[in-house]
Amino acid sequence: MRFVSPESFTFLESAMVLSMVVLGGMGSIPGIILGAAALIVLPEVFREFELYRMLAFGAAMVVMMLFRPAGLIPAKRMGTRSEEKEG
């Protein structure tokens, strides 16, 4: 492959990449690496539950959005917003 185009990826692959970023924490490189490792290793560990994999995957994403919306390792903020300085 010499270039990447949208046709190169299926919907499932695109959803997995997005999930890796959301799970690990947007803007956090160590978090994204942890999210990618988790989403690659865990399906292999729980291979006997293959029929319920997408159900468990969706439930895990809902739980993450409810309890850890910033991800497993959130990005550190570098500065403050102008609204925070005024208040």
PDB file of N, CA and C in Angstrom:
ATOM      1  N   MET A   1       0.839  -1.184   0.000  1.00  0.00           N
ATOM      2  CA  MET A   1       0.000   0.000   0.000  1.00  0.00           C
ATOM      3  C   MET A   1       0.880   1.242   0.000  1.00  0.00           C
ATOM      4  N   ARG A   2       0.570   2.158  -0.858  1.00  0.00           N
ATOM      5  CA  ARG A   2       1.354   3.383  -0.927  1.00  0.00           C
ATOM      6  C   ARG A   2       0.613   4.582  -0.359  1.00  0.00           C
ATOM      7  N   PHE A   3      -0.699   4.475  -0.224  1.00  0.00           N
ATOM      8  CA  PHE A   3      -1.466   5.575   0.352  1.00  0.00           C
ATOM      9  C   PHE A   3      -2.663   5.015   1.096  1.00  0.00           C
ATOM     10  N   VAL A   4      -3.232   5.842   1.943  1.00  0.00           N
ATOM     11  CA  VAL A   4      -4.381   5.449   2.745  1.00  0.00           C
ATOM     12  C   VAL A   4      -5.580   6.241   2.259  1.00  0.00           C
ATOM     13  N   SER A   5      -6.660   5.550   2.002  1.00  0.00           N
ATOM     14  CA  SER A   5      -7.895   6.202   1.585  1.00  0.00           C
ATOM     15  C   SER A   5      -9.036   5.677   2.451  1.00  0.00           C
ATOM     16  N   PRO A   6     -10.163   6.364   2.491  1.00  0.00           N
ATOM     17  CA  PRO A   6     -11.287   5.889   3.309  1.00  0.00           C
ATOM     18  C   PRO A   6     -11.768   4.491   2.934  1.00  0.00           C
ATOM     19  N   GLU A   7     -11.599   4.115   1.686  1.00  0.00           N
ATOM     20  CA  GLU A   7     -12.021   2.788   1.265  1.00  0.00           C
ATOM     21  C   GLU A   7     -11.120   1.687   1.807  1.00  0.00           C
ATOM     22  N   SER A   8      -9.973   2.057   2.375  1.00  0.00           N
ATOM     23  CA  SER A   8      -9.033   1.073   2.906  1.00  0.00           C
ATOM     24  C   SER A   8      -9.527   0.454   4.209  1.00  0.00           C
ATOM     25  N   PHE A   9     -10.451   1.107   4.888  1.00  0.00           N
ATOM     26  CA  PHE A   9     -10.894   0.661   6.201  1.00  0.00           C
ATOM     27  C   PHE A   9     -12.355   0.268   6.177  1.00  0.00           C
ATOM     28  N   THR A  10     -12.675  -0.778   6.923  1.00  0.00           N
ATOM     29  CA  THR A  10     -14.075  -1.143   7.112  1.00  0.00           C
ATOM     30  C   THR A  10     -14.626  -0.337   8.282  1.00  0.00           C
ATOM     31  N   PHE A  11     -15.934  -0.389   8.457  1.00  0.00           N
ATOM     32  CA  PHE A  11     -16.542   0.337   9.575  1.00  0.00           C
ATOM     33  C   PHE A  11     -16.023  -0.172  10.911  1.00  0.00           C
ATOM     34  N   LEU A  12     -15.853  -1.487  11.046  1.00  0.00           N
ATOM     35  CA  LEU A  12     -15.385  -2.050  12.310  1.00  0.00           C
ATOM     36  C   LEU A  12     -13.977  -1.569  12.644  1.00  0.00           C
ATOM     37  N   GLU A  13     -13.101  -1.491  11.665  1.00  0.00           N
ATOM     38  CA  GLU A  13     -11.744  -1.003  11.915  1.00  0.00           C
ATOM     39  C   GLU A  13     -11.756   0.462  12.340  1.00  0.00           C
ATOM     40  N   SER A  14     -12.583   1.263  11.696  1.00  0.00           N
ATOM     41  CA  SER A  14     -12.685   2.671  12.065  1.00  0.00           C
ATOM     42  C   SER A  14     -13.254   2.827  13.472  1.00  0.00           C
ATOM     43  N   ALA A  15     -14.254   2.032  13.807  1.00  0.00           N
ATOM     44  CA  ALA A  15     -14.836   2.082  15.152  1.00  0.00           C
ATOM     45  C   ALA A  15     -13.826   1.650  16.207  1.00  0.00           C
ATOM     46  N   MET A  16     -12.986   0.674  15.877  1.00  0.00           N
ATOM     47  CA  MET A  16     -11.973   0.221  16.840  1.00  0.00           C
ATOM     48  C   MET A  16     -10.926   1.301  17.094  1.00  0.00           C
ATOM     49  N   VAL A  17     -10.489   1.986  16.057  1.00  0.00           N
ATOM     50  CA  VAL A  17      -9.507   3.063  16.237  1.00  0.00           C
ATOM     51  C   VAL A  17     -10.108   4.188  17.082  1.00  0.00           C
ATOM     52  N   LEU A  18     -11.336   4.563  16.792  1.00  0.00           N
ATOM     53  CA  LEU A  18     -12.004   5.588  17.587  1.00  0.00           C
ATOM     54  C   LEU A  18     -12.149   5.141  19.035  1.00  0.00           C
ATOM     55  N   SER A  19     -12.493   3.898  19.251  1.00  0.00           N
ATOM     56  CA  SER A  19     -12.655   3.373  20.600  1.00  0.00           C
ATOM     57  C   SER A  19     -11.337   3.345  21.359  1.00  0.00           C
ATOM     58  N   MET A  20     -10.260   3.052  20.675  1.00  0.00           N
ATOM     59  CA  MET A  20      -8.945   3.060  21.325  1.00  0.00           C
ATOM     60  C   MET A  20      -8.615   4.446  21.848  1.00  0.00           C
ATOM     61  N   VAL A  21      -8.919   5.452  21.060  1.00  0.00           N
ATOM     62  CA  VAL A  21      -8.646   6.832  21.464  1.00  0.00           C
ATOM     63  C   VAL A  21      -9.549   7.244  22.620  1.00  0.00           C
ATOM     64  N   VAL A  22     -10.828   6.916  22.530  1.00  0.00           N
ATOM     65  CA  VAL A  22     -11.773   7.291  23.588  1.00  0.00           C
ATOM     66  C   VAL A  22     -11.462   6.548  24.875  1.00  0.00           C
ATOM     67  N   LEU A  23     -11.161   5.265  24.782  1.00  0.00           N
ATOM     68  CA  LEU A  23     -10.863   4.464  25.969  1.00  0.00           C
ATOM     69  C   LEU A  23      -9.599   4.950  26.664  1.00  0.00           C
ATOM     70  N   GLY A  24      -8.576   5.225  25.916  1.00  0.00           N
ATOM     71  CA  GLY A  24      -7.304   5.638  26.506  1.00  0.00           C
ATOM     72  C   GLY A  24      -7.301   7.063  27.002  1.00  0.00           C
ATOM     73  N   GLY A  25      -7.997   7.946  26.318  1.00  0.00           N
ATOM     74  CA  GLY A  25      -8.017   9.352  26.688  1.00  0.00           C
ATOM     75  C   GLY A  25      -7.533  10.203  25.539  1.00  0.00           C
ATOM     76  N   MET A  26      -8.400  11.055  25.043  1.00  0.00           N
ATOM     77  CA  MET A  26      -8.030  11.878  23.894  1.00  0.00           C
ATOM     78  C   MET A  26      -6.927  12.854  24.285  1.00  0.00           C
ATOM     79  N   GLY A  27      -5.899  12.927  23.474  1.00  0.00           N
ATOM     80  CA  GLY A  27      -4.793  13.833  23.725  1.00  0.00           C
ATOM     81  C   GLY A  27      -3.715  13.258  24.614  1.00  0.00           C
ATOM     82  N   SER A  28      -3.856  12.034  25.045  1.00  0.00           N
ATOM     83  CA  SER A  28      -2.879  11.396  25.916  1.00  0.00           C
ATOM     84  C   SER A  28      -2.251  10.225  25.177  1.00  0.00           C
ATOM     85  N   ILE A  29      -0.995  10.356  24.791  1.00  0.00           N
ATOM     86  CA  ILE A  29      -0.319   9.294  24.047  1.00  0.00           C
ATOM     87  C   ILE A  29      -0.218   8.007  24.880  1.00  0.00           C
ATOM     88  N   PRO A  30       0.202   8.061  26.151  1.00  0.00           N
ATOM     89  CA  PRO A  30       0.221   6.809  26.934  1.00  0.00           C
ATOM     90  C   PRO A  30      -1.176   6.200  27.091  1.00  0.00           C
ATOM     91  N   GLY A  31      -2.185   7.042  27.198  1.00  0.00           N
ATOM     92  CA  GLY A  31      -3.546   6.537  27.302  1.00  0.00           C
ATOM     93  C   GLY A  31      -3.999   5.841  26.041  1.00  0.00           C
ATOM     94  N   ILE A  32      -3.656   6.402  24.887  1.00  0.00           N
ATOM     95  CA  ILE A  32      -4.042   5.787  23.617  1.00  0.00           C
ATOM     96  C   ILE A  32      -3.319   4.458  23.436  1.00  0.00           C
ATOM     97  N   ILE A  33      -2.065   4.382  23.853  1.00  0.00           N
ATOM     98  CA  ILE A  33      -1.327   3.120  23.779  1.00  0.00           C
ATOM     99  C   ILE A  33      -1.983   2.088  24.687  1.00  0.00           C
ATOM    100  N   LEU A  34      -2.388   2.490  25.893  1.00  0.00           N
ATOM    101  CA  LEU A  34      -3.073   1.579  26.815  1.00  0.00           C
ATOM    102  C   LEU A  34      -4.420   1.143  26.247  1.00  0.00           C
ATOM    103  N   GLY A  35      -5.165   2.072  25.663  1.00  0.00           N
ATOM    104  CA  GLY A  35      -6.440   1.732  25.053  1.00  0.00           C
ATOM    105  C   GLY A  35      -6.274   0.773  23.889  1.00  0.00           C
ATOM    106  N   ALA A  36      -5.264   0.992  23.059  1.00  0.00           N
ATOM    107  CA  ALA A  36      -5.008   0.098  21.932  1.00  0.00           C
ATOM    108  C   ALA A  36      -4.612  -1.291  22.418  1.00  0.00           C
ATOM    109  N   ALA A  37      -3.756  -1.342  23.429  1.00  0.00           N
ATOM    110  CA  ALA A  37      -3.347  -2.641  23.967  1.00  0.00           C
ATOM    111  C   ALA A  37      -4.543  -3.377  24.554  1.00  0.00           C
ATOM    112  N   ALA A  38      -5.394  -2.657  25.259  1.00  0.00           N
ATOM    113  CA  ALA A  38      -6.567  -3.291  25.871  1.00  0.00           C
ATOM    114  C   ALA A  38      -7.516  -3.832  24.811  1.00  0.00           C
ATOM    115  N   LEU A  39      -7.754  -3.074  23.753  1.00  0.00           N
ATOM    116  CA  LEU A  39      -8.702  -3.507  22.736  1.00  0.00           C
ATOM    117  C   LEU A  39      -8.135  -4.554  21.785  1.00  0.00           C
ATOM    118  N   ILE A  40      -6.839  -4.769  21.828  1.00  0.00           N
ATOM    119  CA  ILE A  40      -6.241  -5.828  21.018  1.00  0.00           C
ATOM    120  C   ILE A  40      -6.088  -7.103  21.849  1.00  0.00           C
ATOM    121  N   VAL A  41      -5.701  -6.965  23.107  1.00  0.00           N
ATOM    122  CA  VAL A  41      -5.430  -8.126  23.948  1.00  0.00           C
ATOM    123  C   VAL A  41      -6.713  -8.736  24.531  1.00  0.00           C
ATOM    124  N   LEU A  42      -7.629  -7.918  25.020  1.00  0.00           N
ATOM    125  CA  LEU A  42      -8.814  -8.454  25.697  1.00  0.00           C
ATOM    126  C   LEU A  42      -9.689  -9.350  24.824  1.00  0.00           C
ATOM    127  N   PRO A  43      -9.932  -9.032  23.544  1.00  0.00           N
ATOM    128  CA  PRO A  43     -10.707  -9.988  22.748  1.00  0.00           C
ATOM    129  C   PRO A  43     -10.033 -11.357  22.611  1.00  0.00           C
ATOM    130  N   GLU A  44      -8.718 -11.380  22.631  1.00  0.00           N
ATOM    131  CA  GLU A  44      -8.012 -12.656  22.564  1.00  0.00           C
ATOM    132  C   GLU A  44      -8.124 -13.421  23.877  1.00  0.00           C
ATOM    133  N   VAL A  45      -8.111 -12.703  24.988  1.00  0.00           N
ATOM    134  CA  VAL A  45      -8.222 -13.348  26.295  1.00  0.00           C
ATOM    135  C   VAL A  45      -9.605 -13.968  26.462  1.00  0.00           C
ATOM    136  N   PHE A  46     -10.647 -13.256  26.012  1.00  0.00           N
ATOM    137  CA  PHE A  46     -12.022 -13.727  26.164  1.00  0.00           C
ATOM    138  C   PHE A  46     -12.560 -14.308  24.856  1.00  0.00           C
ATOM    139  N   ARG A  47     -11.760 -15.103  24.190  1.00  0.00           N
ATOM    140  CA  ARG A  47     -12.133 -15.672  22.901  1.00  0.00           C
ATOM    141  C   ARG A  47     -13.352 -16.593  23.003  1.00  0.00           C
ATOM    142  N   GLU A  48     -13.567 -17.258  24.136  1.00  0.00           N
ATOM    143  CA  GLU A  48     -14.693 -18.179  24.257  1.00  0.00           C
ATOM    144  C   GLU A  48     -16.043 -17.460  24.291  1.00  0.00           C
ATOM    145  N   PHE A  49     -16.037 -16.148  24.509  1.00  0.00           N
ATOM    146  CA  PHE A  49     -17.268 -15.359  24.500  1.00  0.00           C
ATOM    147  C   PHE A  49     -17.420 -14.585  23.192  1.00  0.00           C
ATOM    148  N   GLU A  50     -17.020 -15.193  22.098  1.00  0.00           N
ATOM    149  CA  GLU A  50     -16.987 -14.502  20.815  1.00  0.00           C
ATOM    150  C   GLU A  50     -18.363 -14.004  20.376  1.00  0.00           C
ATOM    151  N   LEU A  51     -19.422 -14.731  20.717  1.00  0.00           N
ATOM    152  CA  LEU A  51     -20.767 -14.324  20.323  1.00  0.00           C
ATOM    153  C   LEU A  51     -21.199 -13.037  21.019  1.00  0.00           C
ATOM    154  N   TYR A  52     -20.682 -12.799  22.197  1.00  0.00           N
ATOM    155  CA  TYR A  52     -21.095 -11.642  22.988  1.00  0.00           C
ATOM    156  C   TYR A  52     -20.052 -10.529  22.986  1.00  0.00           C
ATOM    157  N   ARG A  53     -19.062 -10.624  22.125  1.00  0.00           N
ATOM    158  CA  ARG A  53     -17.960  -9.663  22.125  1.00  0.00           C
ATOM    159  C   ARG A  53     -18.438  -8.235  21.869  1.00  0.00           C
ATOM    160  N   MET A  54     -19.279  -8.036  20.853  1.00  0.00           N
ATOM    161  CA  MET A  54     -19.735  -6.685  20.531  1.00  0.00           C
ATOM    162  C   MET A  54     -20.669  -6.143  21.613  1.00  0.00           C
ATOM    163  N   LEU A  55     -21.452  -7.007  22.242  1.00  0.00           N
ATOM    164  CA  LEU A  55     -22.306  -6.583  23.349  1.00  0.00           C
ATOM    165  C   LEU A  55     -21.453  -6.110  24.527  1.00  0.00           C
ATOM    166  N   ALA A  56     -20.442  -6.881  24.877  1.00  0.00           N
ATOM    167  CA  ALA A  56     -19.540  -6.493  25.965  1.00  0.00           C
ATOM    168  C   ALA A  56     -18.760  -5.230  25.603  1.00  0.00           C
ATOM    169  N   PHE A  57     -18.368  -5.118  24.356  1.00  0.00           N
ATOM    170  CA  PHE A  57     -17.637  -3.952  23.884  1.00  0.00           C
ATOM    171  C   PHE A  57     -18.489  -2.690  24.038  1.00  0.00           C
ATOM    172  N   GLY A  58     -19.750  -2.754  23.608  1.00  0.00           N
ATOM    173  CA  GLY A  58     -20.658  -1.613  23.741  1.00  0.00           C
ATOM    174  C   GLY A  58     -20.926  -1.268  25.189  1.00  0.00           C
ATOM    175  N   ALA A  59     -21.115  -2.267  26.023  1.00  0.00           N
ATOM    176  CA  ALA A  59     -21.357  -2.023  27.448  1.00  0.00           C
ATOM    177  C   ALA A  59     -20.143  -1.370  28.104  1.00  0.00           C
ATOM    178  N   ALA A  60     -18.954  -1.824  27.724  1.00  0.00           N
ATOM    179  CA  ALA A  60     -17.731  -1.234  28.279  1.00  0.00           C
ATOM    180  C   ALA A  60     -17.590   0.226  27.868  1.00  0.00           C
ATOM    181  N   MET A  61     -17.954   0.545  26.640  1.00  0.00           N
ATOM    182  CA  MET A  61     -17.876   1.942  26.189  1.00  0.00           C
ATOM    183  C   MET A  61     -18.882   2.814  26.934  1.00  0.00           C
ATOM    184  N   VAL A  62     -20.073   2.301  27.182  1.00  0.00           N
ATOM    185  CA  VAL A  62     -21.078   3.065  27.938  1.00  0.00           C
ATOM    186  C   VAL A  62     -20.587   3.301  29.364  1.00  0.00           C
ATOM    187  N   VAL A  63     -20.038   2.285  29.992  1.00  0.00           N
ATOM    188  CA  VAL A  63     -19.513   2.425  31.362  1.00  0.00           C
ATOM    189  C   VAL A  63     -18.371   3.439  31.386  1.00  0.00           C
ATOM    190  N   MET A  64     -17.489   3.390  30.387  1.00  0.00           N
ATOM    191  CA  MET A  64     -16.386   4.359  30.327  1.00  0.00           C
ATOM    192  C   MET A  64     -16.915   5.786  30.186  1.00  0.00           C
ATOM    193  N   MET A  65     -17.903   5.981  29.355  1.00  0.00           N
ATOM    194  CA  MET A  65     -18.448   7.326  29.151  1.00  0.00           C
ATOM    195  C   MET A  65     -19.149   7.840  30.401  1.00  0.00           C
ATOM    196  N   LEU A  66     -19.710   6.942  31.204  1.00  0.00           N
ATOM    197  CA  LEU A  66     -20.392   7.369  32.430  1.00  0.00           C
ATOM    198  C   LEU A  66     -19.414   7.665  33.563  1.00  0.00           C
ATOM    199  N   PHE A  67     -18.423   6.810  33.750  1.00  0.00           N
ATOM    200  CA  PHE A  67     -17.559   6.917  34.927  1.00  0.00           C
ATOM    201  C   PHE A  67     -16.193   7.536  34.664  1.00  0.00           C
ATOM    202  N   ARG A  68     -15.653   7.391  33.471  1.00  0.00           N
ATOM    203  CA  ARG A  68     -14.342   7.974  33.133  1.00  0.00           C
ATOM    204  C   ARG A  68     -14.418   8.631  31.765  1.00  0.00           C
ATOM    205  N   PRO A  69     -15.169   9.725  31.614  1.00  0.00           N
ATOM    206  CA  PRO A  69     -15.326  10.315  30.277  1.00  0.00           C
ATOM    207  C   PRO A  69     -14.027  10.857  29.680  1.00  0.00           C
ATOM    208  N   ALA A  70     -13.026  11.116  30.500  1.00  0.00           N
ATOM    209  CA  ALA A  70     -11.749  11.628  29.976  1.00  0.00           C
ATOM    210  C   ALA A  70     -10.822  10.497  29.551  1.00  0.00           C
ATOM    211  N   GLY A  71     -11.183   9.233  29.807  1.00  0.00           N
ATOM    212  CA  GLY A  71     -10.357   8.094  29.424  1.00  0.00           C
ATOM    213  C   GLY A  71      -9.609   7.516  30.604  1.00  0.00           C
ATOM    214  N   LEU A  72      -8.890   6.430  30.348  1.00  0.00           N
ATOM    215  CA  LEU A  72      -8.132   5.778  31.422  1.00  0.00           C
ATOM    216  C   LEU A  72      -6.987   6.655  31.911  1.00  0.00           C
ATOM    217  N   ILE A  73      -6.288   7.286  30.997  1.00  0.00           N
ATOM    218  CA  ILE A  73      -5.203   8.211  31.347  1.00  0.00           C
ATOM    219  C   ILE A  73      -5.511   9.535  30.663  1.00  0.00           C
ATOM    220  N   PRO A  74      -6.207  10.441  31.347  1.00  0.00           N
ATOM    221  CA  PRO A  74      -6.579  11.706  30.697  1.00  0.00           C
ATOM    222  C   PRO A  74      -5.358  12.562  30.396  1.00  0.00           C
ATOM    223  N   ALA A  75      -5.482  13.398  29.378  1.00  0.00           N
ATOM    224  CA  ALA A  75      -4.395  14.310  29.019  1.00  0.00           C
ATOM    225  C   ALA A  75      -4.269  15.388  30.090  1.00  0.00           C
ATOM    226  N   LYS A  76      -3.051  15.770  30.352  1.00  0.00           N
ATOM    227  CA  LYS A  76      -2.812  16.843  31.315  1.00  0.00           C
ATOM    228  C   LYS A  76      -3.052  18.180  30.620  1.00  0.00           C
ATOM    229  N   ARG A  77      -3.708  19.074  31.299  1.00  0.00           N
ATOM    230  CA  ARG A  77      -3.974  20.389  30.717  1.00  0.00           C
ATOM    231  C   ARG A  77      -2.729  21.246  30.849  1.00  0.00           C
ATOM    232  N   MET A  78      -2.374  21.909  29.785  1.00  0.00           N
ATOM    233  CA  MET A  78      -1.157  22.707  29.772  1.00  0.00           C
ATOM    234  C   MET A  78      -1.389  24.124  30.278  1.00  0.00           C
ATOM    235  N   GLY A  79      -2.566  24.632  30.147  1.00  0.00           N
ATOM    236  CA  GLY A  79      -2.826  26.006  30.543  1.00  0.00           C
ATOM    237  C   GLY A  79      -4.226  26.146  31.107  1.00  0.00           C
ATOM    238  N   THR A  80      -4.628  27.384  31.289  1.00  0.00           N
ATOM    239  CA  THR A  80      -5.977  27.641  31.766  1.00  0.00           C
ATOM    240  C   THR A  80      -6.741  28.404  30.702  1.00  0.00           C
ATOM    241  N   ARG A  81      -8.035  28.272  30.746  1.00  0.00           N
ATOM    242  CA  ARG A  81      -8.883  29.007  29.819  1.00  0.00           C
ATOM    243  C   ARG A  81      -9.059  30.426  30.304  1.00  0.00           C
ATOM    244  N   SER A  82      -9.407  31.308  29.395  1.00  0.00           N
ATOM    245  CA  SER A  82      -9.583  32.706  29.782  1.00  0.00           C
ATOM    246  C   SER A  82     -10.750  32.859  30.742  1.00  0.00           C
ATOM    247  N   GLU A  83     -11.788  32.000  30.626  1.00  0.00           N
ATOM    248  CA  GLU A  83     -12.906  32.081  31.565  1.00  0.00           C
ATOM    249  C   GLU A  83     -12.481  31.727  32.981  1.00  0.00           C
ATOM    250  N   GLU A  84     -11.525  30.797  33.115  1.00  0.00           N
ATOM    251  CA  GLU A  84     -11.060  30.388  34.423  1.00  0.00           C
ATOM    252  C   GLU A  84     -10.198  31.473  35.073  1.00  0.00           C
ATOM    253  N   LYS A  85      -9.501  32.267  34.286  1.00  0.00           N
ATOM    254  CA  LYS A  85      -8.658  33.328  34.839  1.00  0.00           C
ATOM    255  C   LYS A  85      -9.509  34.448  35.426  1.00  0.00           C
ATOM    256  N   GLU A  86     -10.639  34.743  34.778  1.00  0.00           N
ATOM    257  CA  GLU A  86     -11.476  35.848  35.224  1.00  0.00           C
ATOM    258  C   GLU A  86     -12.187  35.546  36.519  1.00  0.00           C
ATOM    259  N   GLY A  87     -12.573  34.270  36.733  1.00  0.00           N
ATOM    260  CA  GLY A  87     -13.400  33.891  37.885  1.00  0.00           C
ATOM    261  C   GLY A  87     -12.635  33.671  39.077  1.00  0.00           C
TER     262      GLY A  87
END
